[in-house]
Structure formats: structure tokens, C-alpha cells
Amino acid sequence: MLRVLVFLVPIAITIYGLIDALMAPSPGIRLLPKALWVFVIIVLPLVGAVLWFILGRPLGASTGRGSHRSIGPDDDPGFLASLRDRKPR
């Protein structure tokens, strides 16, 4: 079982790093362009992925899905203003 983990863990880290690099928004990526990071991860499988997580990943990227956060309608100023406009006087 340990032999299998020795092979599966680096493969899993590399695949996760590659997908994370591909899904990351290009403007936030640090140090190298996105295409070059993907190349580094493919050419240097485990090392490239680790370097991506340490040096290339956008700051504050917890999921790599961007920084947009959903808010409820009661927290949206535009929605509240539209309610005030529709309120009968």
C-alpha cells in the first residue's frame, strides 16, 4: 500500500496543480505567465506543482475561482434601492 501512495500522491499533486493553474485568472498569476506555469508543471511534475503553489498561485486564491463572493439580496445596495423605489407612498 505504501508503494502505491509513493506514486499516487505526486501524481495527484501534479494533476491538482495543473488544473489549478489552468483555472486561475491570468491577471492574478505571479512571477510567470500562465502558459509558462502550465509548461513548468508538465515538464517538472511534482516540483513544478509545488513551485506553482508557492510562487505562482494568485494571492488570496482559496479556490482559484476568482474573488467574487455571492451576497444575499438584503446585503445588495442596488436591490435595496429598487425596493425603496417600488414602495408605495
Protein backbone atom coordinates (compact mmCIF):
# COMPACT_ATOMS: atom_id res chain seq x y z
CA MET A 1 0.00 0.00 0.00
CA LEU A 2 2.83 2.40 0.80
CA ARG A 3 4.37 1.79 -2.63
CA VAL A 4 1.11 2.81 -4.26
CA LEU A 5 0.96 6.03 -2.22
CA VAL A 6 4.51 6.90 -3.22
CA PHE A 7 3.33 7.01 -6.83
CA LEU A 8 -0.22 8.31 -6.38
CA VAL A 9 0.48 11.30 -4.13
CA PRO A 10 2.90 13.03 -6.56
CA ILE A 11 0.54 12.33 -9.47
CA ALA A 12 -2.41 13.74 -7.53
CA ILE A 13 -0.46 16.87 -6.54
CA THR A 14 0.66 17.40 -10.13
CA ILE A 15 -2.85 16.99 -11.54
CA TYR A 16 -4.32 19.29 -8.91
CA GLY A 17 -1.61 21.89 -9.58
CA LEU A 18 -2.16 21.68 -13.33
CA ILE A 19 -5.92 22.10 -13.03
CA ASP A 20 -5.47 24.92 -10.52
CA ALA A 21 -3.06 26.73 -12.86
CA LEU A 22 -5.41 26.31 -15.82
CA MET A 23 -8.41 27.61 -13.85
CA ALA A 24 -6.59 30.57 -12.25
CA PRO A 25 -7.40 34.03 -13.66
CA SER A 26 -4.46 35.19 -15.79
CA PRO A 27 -4.13 38.72 -14.33
CA GLY A 28 -3.57 37.42 -10.79
CA ILE A 29 -0.86 34.86 -11.55
CA ARG A 30 2.53 35.78 -10.12
CA LEU A 31 6.10 35.52 -11.42
CA LEU A 32 5.50 33.83 -14.83
CA PRO A 33 2.77 33.88 -17.47
CA LYS A 34 0.05 31.26 -17.19
CA ALA A 35 1.22 29.25 -20.23
CA LEU A 36 4.74 29.05 -18.83
CA TRP A 37 3.45 27.82 -15.45
CA VAL A 38 1.48 25.07 -17.20
CA PHE A 39 4.63 24.13 -19.13
CA VAL A 40 6.71 24.03 -15.91
CA ILE A 41 4.13 21.82 -14.17
CA ILE A 42 4.08 19.39 -17.10
CA VAL A 43 7.87 19.26 -17.56
CA LEU A 44 8.73 19.09 -13.84
CA PRO A 45 5.71 17.21 -12.47
CA LEU A 46 5.97 17.34 -8.68
CA VAL A 47 8.48 20.19 -8.43
CA GLY A 48 6.55 22.34 -10.91
CA ALA A 49 3.30 21.90 -9.00
CA VAL A 50 4.95 22.76 -5.68
CA LEU A 51 6.56 25.84 -7.25
CA TRP A 52 3.16 26.83 -8.62
CA PHE A 53 1.56 26.66 -5.18
CA ILE A 54 4.39 28.61 -3.55
CA LEU A 55 5.37 31.16 -6.20
CA GLY A 56 2.75 31.38 -8.92
CA ARG A 57 -0.70 31.00 -7.45
CA PRO A 58 -2.66 34.26 -7.17
CA LEU A 59 -2.61 35.77 -3.71
CA GLY A 60 -5.74 35.13 -1.69
CA ALA A 61 -6.84 32.31 -4.00
CA SER A 62 -8.53 29.81 -1.79
CA THR A 63 -10.29 28.00 -4.59
CA GLY A 64 -8.94 29.61 -7.72
CA ARG A 65 -12.41 30.55 -8.81
CA GLY A 66 -11.92 34.30 -8.58
CA SER A 67 -12.65 36.72 -5.80
CA HIS A 68 -16.37 37.27 -6.48
CA ARG A 69 -18.43 36.37 -3.46
CA SER A 70 -22.18 35.93 -3.58
CA ILE A 71 -24.18 38.16 -1.31
CA GLY A 72 -27.77 37.93 -0.24
CA PRO A 73 -30.33 40.36 -1.60
CA ASP A 74 -30.59 42.09 1.77
CA ASP A 75 -26.89 42.99 1.51
CA ASP A 76 -27.08 44.31 -2.06
CA PRO A 77 -27.44 48.11 -2.10
CA GLY A 78 -28.90 48.06 -5.62
CA PHE A 79 -31.63 45.63 -4.61
CA LEU A 80 -32.49 47.66 -1.51
CA ALA A 81 -32.68 50.84 -3.59
CA SER A 82 -35.03 49.14 -6.06
CA LEU A 83 -37.30 48.14 -3.15
CA ARG A 84 -37.38 51.74 -1.92
CA ASP A 85 -38.29 52.94 -5.43
CA ARG A 86 -41.13 50.39 -5.71
CA LYS A 87 -42.56 51.09 -2.26
CA PRO A 88 -45.95 52.82 -2.46
CA ARG A 89 -46.05 56.20 -0.79
